[in-house]
Amino acid sequence: MSTKPPPPPRKSTKTNKGEPPAIDETKSNLEKPEPGESANLNFKVSAEFKKDFKIAAATYGCTQVELLQRIFKFWTENQG
């Protein structure tokens, strides 16, 4: 006694999505930020690294952003 699988769904030429919005009604989410404008950089690190990085920034008297920028600049200048 085998069971027969249901038939595949019928393909319809008609969609229920409606018409796309006009260009002037769409959001301008594709615009790039101006050069020099701040943008978020989100990534996860261990809690211990976060604490050490925060202490290092305070030790050198700069913000965490400034420390990251200094480290990245040093790294790019000294890479191969």
PDB file of N, CA and C in Angstrom:
ATOM      1  N   MET A   1       0.840  -1.169   0.000  1.00  0.00           N
ATOM      2  CA  MET A   1       0.000   0.000   0.000  1.00  0.00           C
ATOM      3  C   MET A   1       0.895   1.245   0.000  1.00  0.00           C
ATOM      4  N   SER A   2       1.123   1.803  -1.180  1.00  0.00           N
ATOM      5  CA  SER A   2       1.960   2.995  -1.268  1.00  0.00           C
ATOM      6  C   SER A   2       1.073   4.239  -1.347  1.00  0.00           C
ATOM      7  N   THR A   3       1.623   5.318  -0.859  1.00  0.00           N
ATOM      8  CA  THR A   3       0.879   6.581  -0.921  1.00  0.00           C
ATOM      9  C   THR A   3       1.396   7.383  -2.096  1.00  0.00           C
ATOM     10  N   LYS A   4       0.491   8.023  -2.755  1.00  0.00           N
ATOM     11  CA  LYS A   4       0.845   8.812  -3.923  1.00  0.00           C
ATOM     12  C   LYS A   4       1.127  10.250  -3.477  1.00  0.00           C
ATOM     13  N   PRO A   5       2.275  10.832  -3.883  1.00  0.00           N
ATOM     14  CA  PRO A   5       2.562  12.211  -3.479  1.00  0.00           C
ATOM     15  C   PRO A   5       1.600  13.183  -4.154  1.00  0.00           C
ATOM     16  N   PRO A   6       1.373  14.321  -3.539  1.00  0.00           N
ATOM     17  CA  PRO A   6       0.461  15.292  -4.145  1.00  0.00           C
ATOM     18  C   PRO A   6       1.074  15.858  -5.426  1.00  0.00           C
ATOM     19  N   PRO A   7       0.237  16.320  -6.332  1.00  0.00           N
ATOM     20  CA  PRO A   7       0.760  16.888  -7.577  1.00  0.00           C
ATOM     21  C   PRO A   7       1.485  18.212  -7.291  1.00  0.00           C
ATOM     22  N   PRO A   8       2.434  18.592  -8.142  1.00  0.00           N
ATOM     23  CA  PRO A   8       3.132  19.860  -7.926  1.00  0.00           C
ATOM     24  C   PRO A   8       2.177  21.035  -8.099  1.00  0.00           C
ATOM     25  N   PRO A   9       2.477  22.157  -7.470  1.00  0.00           N
ATOM     26  CA  PRO A   9       1.587  23.311  -7.599  1.00  0.00           C
ATOM     27  C   PRO A   9       1.566  23.822  -9.037  1.00  0.00           C
ATOM     28  N   ARG A  10       0.446  24.357  -9.416  1.00  0.00           N
ATOM     29  CA  ARG A  10       0.292  24.892 -10.765  1.00  0.00           C
ATOM     30  C   ARG A  10       1.009  26.228 -10.876  1.00  0.00           C
ATOM     31  N   LYS A  11       1.643  26.405 -12.011  1.00  0.00           N
ATOM     32  CA  LYS A  11       2.322  27.675 -12.257  1.00  0.00           C
ATOM     33  C   LYS A  11       1.311  28.656 -12.827  1.00  0.00           C
ATOM     34  N   SER A  12       1.271  29.808 -12.232  1.00  0.00           N
ATOM     35  CA  SER A  12       0.325  30.826 -12.656  1.00  0.00           C
ATOM     36  C   SER A  12       1.078  31.949 -13.359  1.00  0.00           C
ATOM     37  N   THR A  13       0.506  32.480 -14.401  1.00  0.00           N
ATOM     38  CA  THR A  13       1.118  33.607 -15.096  1.00  0.00           C
ATOM     39  C   THR A  13       0.756  34.916 -14.409  1.00  0.00           C
ATOM     40  N   LYS A  14      -0.226  34.879 -13.564  1.00  0.00           N
ATOM     41  CA  LYS A  14      -0.676  36.067 -12.854  1.00  0.00           C
ATOM     42  C   LYS A  14      -0.003  36.104 -11.480  1.00  0.00           C
ATOM     43  N   THR A  15       0.556  37.259 -11.105  1.00  0.00           N
ATOM     44  CA  THR A  15       1.180  37.391  -9.790  1.00  0.00           C
ATOM     45  C   THR A  15       0.301  38.250  -8.895  1.00  0.00           C
ATOM     46  N   ASN A  16       0.433  38.057  -7.616  1.00  0.00           N
ATOM     47  CA  ASN A  16      -0.337  38.825  -6.644  1.00  0.00           C
ATOM     48  C   ASN A  16       0.484  39.958  -6.039  1.00  0.00           C
ATOM     49  N   LYS A  17       1.624  40.244  -6.619  1.00  0.00           N
ATOM     50  CA  LYS A  17       2.523  41.239  -6.033  1.00  0.00           C
ATOM     51  C   LYS A  17       2.136  42.671  -6.375  1.00  0.00           C
ATOM     52  N   GLY A  18       1.440  42.877  -7.425  1.00  0.00           N
ATOM     53  CA  GLY A  18       1.067  44.226  -7.800  1.00  0.00           C
ATOM     54  C   GLY A  18       2.162  44.902  -8.609  1.00  0.00           C
ATOM     55  N   GLU A  19       1.947  46.151  -8.916  1.00  0.00           N
ATOM     56  CA  GLU A  19       2.897  46.924  -9.710  1.00  0.00           C
ATOM     57  C   GLU A  19       4.022  47.450  -8.828  1.00  0.00           C
ATOM     58  N   PRO A  20       5.230  47.556  -9.360  1.00  0.00           N
ATOM     59  CA  PRO A  20       6.318  48.125  -8.561  1.00  0.00           C
ATOM     60  C   PRO A  20       6.093  49.618  -8.344  1.00  0.00           C
ATOM     61  N   PRO A  21       6.658  50.182  -7.274  1.00  0.00           N
ATOM     62  CA  PRO A  21       6.465  51.610  -7.021  1.00  0.00           C
ATOM     63  C   PRO A  21       7.196  52.460  -8.057  1.00  0.00           C
ATOM     64  N   ALA A  22       6.742  53.675  -8.196  1.00  0.00           N
ATOM     65  CA  ALA A  22       7.401  54.604  -9.107  1.00  0.00           C
ATOM     66  C   ALA A  22       8.784  54.946  -8.562  1.00  0.00           C
ATOM     67  N   ILE A  23       9.674  55.375  -9.436  1.00  0.00           N
ATOM     68  CA  ILE A  23      11.049  55.667  -9.021  1.00  0.00           C
ATOM     69  C   ILE A  23      11.088  56.749  -7.951  1.00  0.00           C
ATOM     70  N   ASP A  24      10.238  57.761  -8.051  1.00  0.00           N
ATOM     71  CA  ASP A  24      10.252  58.837  -7.056  1.00  0.00           C
ATOM     72  C   ASP A  24       9.667  58.395  -5.713  1.00  0.00           C
ATOM     73  N   GLU A  25       9.017  57.238  -5.663  1.00  0.00           N
ATOM     74  CA  GLU A  25       8.459  56.730  -4.412  1.00  0.00           C
ATOM     75  C   GLU A  25       9.409  55.772  -3.686  1.00  0.00           C
ATOM     76  N   THR A  26      10.460  55.349  -4.347  1.00  0.00           N
ATOM     77  CA  THR A  26      11.390  54.401  -3.730  1.00  0.00           C
ATOM     78  C   THR A  26      12.352  55.127  -2.809  1.00  0.00           C
ATOM     79  N   LYS A  27      12.886  54.367  -1.847  1.00  0.00           N
ATOM     80  CA  LYS A  27      13.858  54.943  -0.921  1.00  0.00           C
ATOM     81  C   LYS A  27      15.188  55.117  -1.638  1.00  0.00           C
ATOM     82  N   SER A  28      15.934  56.087  -1.198  1.00  0.00           N
ATOM     83  CA  SER A  28      17.258  56.305  -1.776  1.00  0.00           C
ATOM     84  C   SER A  28      18.291  55.589  -0.911  1.00  0.00           C
ATOM     85  N   ASN A  29      18.176  54.270  -0.819  1.00  0.00           N
ATOM     86  CA  ASN A  29      19.063  53.503   0.040  1.00  0.00           C
ATOM     87  C   ASN A  29      20.330  53.053  -0.669  1.00  0.00           C
ATOM     88  N   LEU A  30      20.511  53.438  -1.899  1.00  0.00           N
ATOM     89  CA  LEU A  30      21.704  53.052  -2.625  1.00  0.00           C
ATOM     90  C   LEU A  30      22.741  54.168  -2.687  1.00  0.00           C
ATOM     91  N   GLU A  31      22.473  55.268  -2.032  1.00  0.00           N
ATOM     92  CA  GLU A  31      23.422  56.374  -2.037  1.00  0.00           C
ATOM     93  C   GLU A  31      24.607  56.038  -1.148  1.00  0.00           C
ATOM     94  N   LYS A  32      25.786  56.390  -1.617  1.00  0.00           N
ATOM     95  CA  LYS A  32      27.000  56.133  -0.855  1.00  0.00           C
ATOM     96  C   LYS A  32      27.257  57.300   0.090  1.00  0.00           C
ATOM     97  N   PRO A  33      27.867  57.028   1.255  1.00  0.00           N
ATOM     98  CA  PRO A  33      28.217  58.129   2.150  1.00  0.00           C
ATOM     99  C   PRO A  33      29.338  58.971   1.543  1.00  0.00           C
ATOM    100  N   GLU A  34      29.381  60.222   1.915  1.00  0.00           N
ATOM    101  CA  GLU A  34      30.429  61.116   1.443  1.00  0.00           C
ATOM    102  C   GLU A  34      31.783  60.652   1.970  1.00  0.00           C
ATOM    103  N   PRO A  35      32.858  60.870   1.225  1.00  0.00           N
ATOM    104  CA  PRO A  35      34.185  60.514   1.740  1.00  0.00           C
ATOM    105  C   PRO A  35      34.475  61.268   3.035  1.00  0.00           C
ATOM    106  N   GLY A  36      34.983  60.572   4.018  1.00  0.00           N
ATOM    107  CA  GLY A  36      35.261  61.179   5.314  1.00  0.00           C
ATOM    108  C   GLY A  36      34.097  61.113   6.281  1.00  0.00           C
ATOM    109  N   GLU A  37      32.929  60.753   5.794  1.00  0.00           N
ATOM    110  CA  GLU A  37      31.753  60.630   6.656  1.00  0.00           C
ATOM    111  C   GLU A  37      31.845  59.321   7.435  1.00  0.00           C
ATOM    112  N   SER A  38      31.401  59.346   8.671  1.00  0.00           N
ATOM    113  CA  SER A  38      31.469  58.150   9.509  1.00  0.00           C
ATOM    114  C   SER A  38      30.476  57.096   9.037  1.00  0.00           C
ATOM    115  N   ALA A  39      30.920  55.843   9.123  1.00  0.00           N
ATOM    116  CA  ALA A  39      30.062  54.702   8.796  1.00  0.00           C
ATOM    117  C   ALA A  39      30.314  53.625   9.840  1.00  0.00           C
ATOM    118  N   ASN A  40      29.307  52.800  10.101  1.00  0.00           N
ATOM    119  CA  ASN A  40      29.444  51.739  11.098  1.00  0.00           C
ATOM    120  C   ASN A  40      30.293  50.600  10.563  1.00  0.00           C
ATOM    121  N   LEU A  41      31.098  50.039  11.463  1.00  0.00           N
ATOM    122  CA  LEU A  41      31.906  48.861  11.169  1.00  0.00           C
ATOM    123  C   LEU A  41      31.623  47.881  12.290  1.00  0.00           C
ATOM    124  N   ASN A  42      30.810  46.882  12.017  1.00  0.00           N
ATOM    125  CA  ASN A  42      30.356  45.965  13.066  1.00  0.00           C
ATOM    126  C   ASN A  42      30.952  44.583  12.877  1.00  0.00           C
ATOM    127  N   PHE A  43      31.596  44.090  13.927  1.00  0.00           N
ATOM    128  CA  PHE A  43      32.089  42.725  13.948  1.00  0.00           C
ATOM    129  C   PHE A  43      32.238  42.284  15.388  1.00  0.00           C
ATOM    130  N   LYS A  44      32.280  40.986  15.596  1.00  0.00           N
ATOM    131  CA  LYS A  44      32.356  40.430  16.950  1.00  0.00           C
ATOM    132  C   LYS A  44      33.787  40.043  17.278  1.00  0.00           C
ATOM    133  N   VAL A  45      34.178  40.296  18.529  1.00  0.00           N
ATOM    134  CA  VAL A  45      35.471  39.885  19.068  1.00  0.00           C
ATOM    135  C   VAL A  45      35.218  39.269  20.436  1.00  0.00           C
ATOM    136  N   SER A  46      36.235  38.610  20.967  1.00  0.00           N
ATOM    137  CA  SER A  46      36.069  38.012  22.292  1.00  0.00           C
ATOM    138  C   SER A  46      35.987  39.114  23.341  1.00  0.00           C
ATOM    139  N   ALA A  47      35.391  38.803  24.466  1.00  0.00           N
ATOM    140  CA  ALA A  47      35.251  39.774  25.555  1.00  0.00           C
ATOM    141  C   ALA A  47      36.621  40.206  26.062  1.00  0.00           C
ATOM    142  N   GLU A  48      37.569  39.272  26.108  1.00  0.00           N
ATOM    143  CA  GLU A  48      38.919  39.597  26.578  1.00  0.00           C
ATOM    144  C   GLU A  48      39.610  40.573  25.622  1.00  0.00           C
ATOM    145  N   PHE A  49      39.470  40.342  24.308  1.00  0.00           N
ATOM    146  CA  PHE A  49      40.061  41.253  23.329  1.00  0.00           C
ATOM    147  C   PHE A  49      39.443  42.641  23.439  1.00  0.00           C
ATOM    148  N   LYS A  50      38.136  42.697  23.600  1.00  0.00           N
ATOM    149  CA  LYS A  50      37.447  43.987  23.723  1.00  0.00           C
ATOM    150  C   LYS A  50      37.989  44.772  24.906  1.00  0.00           C
ATOM    151  N   LYS A  51      38.152  44.088  26.035  1.00  0.00           N
ATOM    152  CA  LYS A  51      38.663  44.741  27.239  1.00  0.00           C
ATOM    153  C   LYS A  51      40.088  45.234  27.013  1.00  0.00           C
ATOM    154  N   ASP A  52      40.943  44.381  26.444  1.00  0.00           N
ATOM    155  CA  ASP A  52      42.332  44.762  26.182  1.00  0.00           C
ATOM    156  C   ASP A  52      42.421  45.929  25.203  1.00  0.00           C
ATOM    157  N   PHE A  53      41.589  45.921  24.171  1.00  0.00           N
ATOM    158  CA  PHE A  53      41.599  46.992  23.177  1.00  0.00           C
ATOM    159  C   PHE A  53      41.161  48.310  23.800  1.00  0.00           C
ATOM    160  N   LYS A  54      40.153  48.251  24.645  1.00  0.00           N
ATOM    161  CA  LYS A  54      39.649  49.442  25.325  1.00  0.00           C
ATOM    162  C   LYS A  54      40.722  50.022  26.251  1.00  0.00           C
ATOM    163  N   ILE A  55      41.419  49.149  26.979  1.00  0.00           N
ATOM    164  CA  ILE A  55      42.492  49.588  27.880  1.00  0.00           C
ATOM    165  C   ILE A  55      43.633  50.199  27.075  1.00  0.00           C
ATOM    166  N   ALA A  56      43.980  49.581  25.941  1.00  0.00           N
ATOM    167  CA  ALA A  56      45.054  50.113  25.099  1.00  0.00           C
ATOM    168  C   ALA A  56      44.705  51.504  24.589  1.00  0.00           C
ATOM    169  N   ALA A  57      43.470  51.714  24.170  1.00  0.00           N
ATOM    170  CA  ALA A  57      43.055  53.033  23.691  1.00  0.00           C
ATOM    171  C   ALA A  57      43.145  54.061  24.811  1.00  0.00           C
ATOM    172  N   ALA A  58      42.717  53.694  26.003  1.00  0.00           N
ATOM    173  CA  ALA A  58      42.788  54.615  27.140  1.00  0.00           C
ATOM    174  C   ALA A  58      44.238  54.902  27.513  1.00  0.00           C
ATOM    175  N   THR A  59      45.101  53.899  27.434  1.00  0.00           N
ATOM    176  CA  THR A  59      46.518  54.071  27.759  1.00  0.00           C
ATOM    177  C   THR A  59      47.173  55.075  26.819  1.00  0.00           C
ATOM    178  N   TYR A  60      46.840  55.005  25.528  1.00  0.00           N
ATOM    179  CA  TYR A  60      47.421  55.920  24.546  1.00  0.00           C
ATOM    180  C   TYR A  60      46.647  57.226  24.438  1.00  0.00           C
ATOM    181  N   GLY A  61      45.595  57.382  25.217  1.00  0.00           N
ATOM    182  CA  GLY A  61      44.834  58.633  25.246  1.00  0.00           C
ATOM    183  C   GLY A  61      44.090  58.917  23.960  1.00  0.00           C
ATOM    184  N   CYS A  62      43.552  57.887  23.338  1.00  0.00           N
ATOM    185  CA  CYS A  62      42.786  58.091  22.115  1.00  0.00           C
ATOM    186  C   CYS A  62      41.514  57.249  22.180  1.00  0.00           C
ATOM    187  N   THR A  63      40.636  57.495  21.233  1.00  0.00           N
ATOM    188  CA  THR A  63      39.410  56.702  21.177  1.00  0.00           C
ATOM    189  C   THR A  63      39.720  55.353  20.535  1.00  0.00           C
ATOM    190  N   GLN A  64      38.802  54.431  20.675  1.00  0.00           N
ATOM    191  CA  GLN A  64      38.982  53.117  20.067  1.00  0.00           C
ATOM    192  C   GLN A  64      39.005  53.218  18.541  1.00  0.00           C
ATOM    193  N   VAL A  65      38.241  54.146  17.997  1.00  0.00           N
ATOM    194  CA  VAL A  65      38.230  54.352  16.548  1.00  0.00           C
ATOM    195  C   VAL A  65      39.594  54.851  16.088  1.00  0.00           C
ATOM    196  N   GLU A  66      40.147  55.841  16.812  1.00  0.00           N
ATOM    197  CA  GLU A  66      41.463  56.366  16.450  1.00  0.00           C
ATOM    198  C   GLU A  66      42.534  55.287  16.536  1.00  0.00           C
ATOM    199  N   LEU A  67      42.474  54.460  17.576  1.00  0.00           N
ATOM    200  CA  LEU A  67      43.446  53.381  17.728  1.00  0.00           C
ATOM    201  C   LEU A  67      43.328  52.387  16.575  1.00  0.00           C
ATOM    202  N   LEU A  68      42.117  52.016  16.205  1.00  0.00           N
ATOM    203  CA  LEU A  68      41.925  51.096  15.089  1.00  0.00           C
ATOM    204  C   LEU A  68      42.464  51.699  13.797  1.00  0.00           C
ATOM    205  N   GLN A  69      42.231  52.992  13.575  1.00  0.00           N
ATOM    206  CA  GLN A  69      42.732  53.648  12.371  1.00  0.00           C
ATOM    207  C   GLN A  69      44.257  53.684  12.360  1.00  0.00           C
ATOM    208  N   ARG A  70      44.879  53.967  13.510  1.00  0.00           N
ATOM    209  CA  ARG A  70      46.343  53.972  13.599  1.00  0.00           C
ATOM    210  C   ARG A  70      46.910  52.586  13.308  1.00  0.00           C
ATOM    211  N   ILE A  71      46.303  51.578  13.913  1.00  0.00           N
ATOM    212  CA  ILE A  71      46.776  50.206  13.712  1.00  0.00           C
ATOM    213  C   ILE A  71      46.636  49.807  12.250  1.00  0.00           C
ATOM    214  N   PHE A  72      45.517  50.134  11.627  1.00  0.00           N
ATOM    215  CA  PHE A  72      45.298  49.774  10.230  1.00  0.00           C
ATOM    216  C   PHE A  72      46.280  50.501   9.321  1.00  0.00           C
ATOM    217  N   LYS A  73      46.525  51.780   9.587  1.00  0.00           N
ATOM    218  CA  LYS A  73      47.488  52.547   8.790  1.00  0.00           C
ATOM    219  C   LYS A  73      48.875  51.925   8.906  1.00  0.00           C
ATOM    220  N   PHE A  74      49.298  51.607  10.131  1.00  0.00           N
ATOM    221  CA  PHE A  74      50.599  50.975  10.349  1.00  0.00           C
ATOM    222  C   PHE A  74      50.676  49.643   9.605  1.00  0.00           C
ATOM    223  N   TRP A  75      49.620  48.856   9.691  1.00  0.00           N
ATOM    224  CA  TRP A  75      49.595  47.543   9.047  1.00  0.00           C
ATOM    225  C   TRP A  75      49.702  47.660   7.529  1.00  0.00           C
ATOM    226  N   THR A  76      48.952  48.603   6.928  1.00  0.00           N
ATOM    227  CA  THR A  76      48.990  48.745   5.468  1.00  0.00           C
ATOM    228  C   THR A  76      50.344  49.256   4.997  1.00  0.00           C
ATOM    229  N   GLU A  77      50.994  50.110   5.778  1.00  0.00           N
ATOM    230  CA  GLU A  77      52.308  50.630   5.393  1.00  0.00           C
ATOM    231  C   GLU A  77      53.398  49.571   5.512  1.00  0.00           C
ATOM    232  N   ASN A  78      53.226  48.596   6.385  1.00  0.00           N
ATOM    233  CA  ASN A  78      54.263  47.600   6.630  1.00  0.00           C
ATOM    234  C   ASN A  78      53.983  46.243   5.999  1.00  0.00           C
ATOM    235  N   GLN A  79      52.903  46.129   5.253  1.00  0.00           N
ATOM    236  CA  GLN A  79      52.618  44.876   4.556  1.00  0.00           C
ATOM    237  C   GLN A  79      53.378  44.866   3.237  1.00  0.00           C
ATOM    238  N   GLY A  80      54.097  43.830   2.969  1.00  0.00           N
ATOM    239  CA  GLY A  80      54.840  43.497   1.790  1.00  0.00           C
ATOM    240  C   GLY A  80      55.078  44.496   0.762  1.00  0.00           C
TER     241      GLY A  80
END
